[in-house]
């Protein structure tokens, strides 16, 4: 996880007085194929799972279905 992304998450959680846990994502290679995919960084804030990718301007909640702008992270944490 990039330092910039960590700083944004850290600031948003401290601002909202929420504890969090970061689980770094990584590149996964599917054995016996030429396929690979990027596992997102997982951040558990309260009881919710947030998914982040480096150098993206959005994040996801629980799965890759709900996309939210990164600029709204602090507001989203405060509401949920």
C-alpha atoms as a PDB file:
ATOM      1  CA  UNK A   1       0.000   0.000   0.000  1.00  0.00           C
ATOM      2  CA  UNK A   2       1.379   3.380  -0.924  1.00  0.00           C
ATOM      3  CA  UNK A   3       2.325   5.823   1.821  1.00  0.00           C
ATOM      4  CA  UNK A   4      -0.101   8.380   0.382  1.00  0.00           C
ATOM      5  CA  UNK A   5      -3.042   5.975   0.611  1.00  0.00           C
ATOM      6  CA  UNK A   6      -2.058   4.892   4.141  1.00  0.00           C
ATOM      7  CA  UNK A   7      -1.921   8.546   5.202  1.00  0.00           C
ATOM      8  CA  UNK A   8      -5.422   9.232   3.828  1.00  0.00           C
ATOM      9  CA  UNK A   9      -6.872   6.203   5.615  1.00  0.00           C
ATOM     10  CA  UNK A  10      -5.040   7.018   8.841  1.00  0.00           C
ATOM     11  CA  UNK A  11      -6.204  10.658   8.799  1.00  0.00           C
ATOM     12  CA  UNK A  12      -9.835   9.735   8.040  1.00  0.00           C
ATOM     13  CA  UNK A  13      -9.958   7.123  10.806  1.00  0.00           C
ATOM     14  CA  UNK A  14      -8.284   9.349  13.407  1.00  0.00           C
ATOM     15  CA  UNK A  15     -10.551  12.264  12.472  1.00  0.00           C
ATOM     16  CA  UNK A  16     -13.592  10.024  13.037  1.00  0.00           C
ATOM     17  CA  UNK A  17     -12.059   8.287  16.104  1.00  0.00           C
ATOM     18  CA  UNK A  18     -12.285   4.851  14.498  1.00  0.00           C
ATOM     19  CA  UNK A  19      -9.804   2.018  14.831  1.00  0.00           C
ATOM     20  CA  UNK A  20      -8.718   0.195  11.707  1.00  0.00           C
ATOM     21  CA  UNK A  21      -6.693  -2.756  10.479  1.00  0.00           C
ATOM     22  CA  UNK A  22      -4.859  -2.871   7.140  1.00  0.00           C
ATOM     23  CA  UNK A  23      -4.310  -6.105   5.229  1.00  0.00           C
ATOM     24  CA  UNK A  24      -2.014  -5.430   2.275  1.00  0.00           C
ATOM     25  CA  UNK A  25      -3.083  -6.639  -1.136  1.00  0.00           C
ATOM     26  CA  UNK A  26      -0.697  -8.157  -3.639  1.00  0.00           C
ATOM     27  CA  UNK A  27      -0.351  -9.617  -7.099  1.00  0.00           C
ATOM     28  CA  UNK A  28      -1.814 -13.130  -7.338  1.00  0.00           C
ATOM     29  CA  UNK A  29      -0.683 -15.500 -10.047  1.00  0.00           C
ATOM     30  CA  UNK A  30      -3.003 -18.344 -11.026  1.00  0.00           C
ATOM     31  CA  UNK A  31      -0.859 -21.462 -11.137  1.00  0.00           C
ATOM     32  CA  UNK A  32      -0.495 -23.367 -14.407  1.00  0.00           C
ATOM     33  CA  UNK A  33      -1.818 -20.384 -16.405  1.00  0.00           C
ATOM     34  CA  UNK A  34      -0.522 -17.062 -17.631  1.00  0.00           C
ATOM     35  CA  UNK A  35      -3.175 -15.206 -15.600  1.00  0.00           C
ATOM     36  CA  UNK A  36      -2.546 -12.790 -12.756  1.00  0.00           C
ATOM     37  CA  UNK A  37      -4.698 -10.306 -10.888  1.00  0.00           C
ATOM     38  CA  UNK A  38      -4.273  -7.633  -8.265  1.00  0.00           C
ATOM     39  CA  UNK A  39      -5.679  -8.424  -4.833  1.00  0.00           C
ATOM     40  CA  UNK A  40      -6.985  -5.153  -3.318  1.00  0.00           C
ATOM     41  CA  UNK A  41      -5.744  -3.747  -0.038  1.00  0.00           C
ATOM     42  CA  UNK A  42      -8.325  -4.577   2.629  1.00  0.00           C
ATOM     43  CA  UNK A  43      -9.016  -2.200   5.494  1.00  0.00           C
ATOM     44  CA  UNK A  44     -11.378  -3.128   8.294  1.00  0.00           C
ATOM     45  CA  UNK A  45     -12.872  -0.028   9.880  1.00  0.00           C
ATOM     46  CA  UNK A  46     -15.308  -0.827  12.656  1.00  0.00           C
ATOM     47  CA  UNK A  47     -17.183  -3.841  11.319  1.00  0.00           C
ATOM     48  CA  UNK A  48     -17.024  -2.878   7.617  1.00  0.00           C
ATOM     49  CA  UNK A  49     -14.616  -4.078   4.941  1.00  0.00           C
ATOM     50  CA  UNK A  50     -13.172  -1.394   2.657  1.00  0.00           C
ATOM     51  CA  UNK A  51     -11.194  -2.266  -0.483  1.00  0.00           C
ATOM     52  CA  UNK A  52      -8.513   0.010  -1.935  1.00  0.00           C
ATOM     53  CA  UNK A  53      -6.189  -0.061  -4.937  1.00  0.00           C
ATOM     54  CA  UNK A  54      -3.042   2.067  -5.181  1.00  0.00           C
ATOM     55  CA  UNK A  55      -3.280   5.112  -7.428  1.00  0.00           C
ATOM     56  CA  UNK A  56      -7.067   4.969  -7.747  1.00  0.00           C
ATOM     57  CA  UNK A  57      -9.431   7.825  -6.949  1.00  0.00           C
ATOM     58  CA  UNK A  58     -12.107   5.571  -5.432  1.00  0.00           C
ATOM     59  CA  UNK A  59     -12.610   2.752  -2.936  1.00  0.00           C
ATOM     60  CA  UNK A  60     -15.133  -0.036  -2.480  1.00  0.00           C
ATOM     61  CA  UNK A  61     -17.277  -1.309   0.381  1.00  0.00           C
ATOM     62  CA  UNK A  62     -17.472  -5.070   0.960  1.00  0.00           C
ATOM     63  CA  UNK A  63     -17.104  -6.030  -2.708  1.00  0.00           C
ATOM     64  CA  UNK A  64     -16.192  -4.411  -6.008  1.00  0.00           C
ATOM     65  CA  UNK A  65     -19.828  -3.518  -6.716  1.00  0.00           C
ATOM     66  CA  UNK A  66     -20.106  -0.231  -4.807  1.00  0.00           C
ATOM     67  CA  UNK A  67     -17.556   2.380  -5.920  1.00  0.00           C
ATOM     68  CA  UNK A  68     -17.134   5.563  -3.838  1.00  0.00           C
ATOM     69  CA  UNK A  69     -14.789   8.516  -4.509  1.00  0.00           C
ATOM     70  CA  UNK A  70     -11.766   8.533  -2.206  1.00  0.00           C
ATOM     71  CA  UNK A  71     -12.484  12.187  -1.426  1.00  0.00           C
ATOM     72  CA  UNK A  72     -15.611  11.010   0.448  1.00  0.00           C
ATOM     73  CA  UNK A  73     -13.808   8.475   2.681  1.00  0.00           C
ATOM     74  CA  UNK A  74     -13.932  10.546   5.869  1.00  0.00           C
ATOM     75  CA  UNK A  75     -17.612  11.414   5.379  1.00  0.00           C
ATOM     76  CA  UNK A  76     -18.481   7.780   4.640  1.00  0.00           C
ATOM     77  CA  UNK A  77     -16.692   6.559   7.773  1.00  0.00           C
ATOM     78  CA  UNK A  78     -18.514   9.161   9.878  1.00  0.00           C
ATOM     79  CA  UNK A  79     -21.931   8.032   8.590  1.00  0.00           C
ATOM     80  CA  UNK A  80     -21.361   4.302   9.002  1.00  0.00           C
END
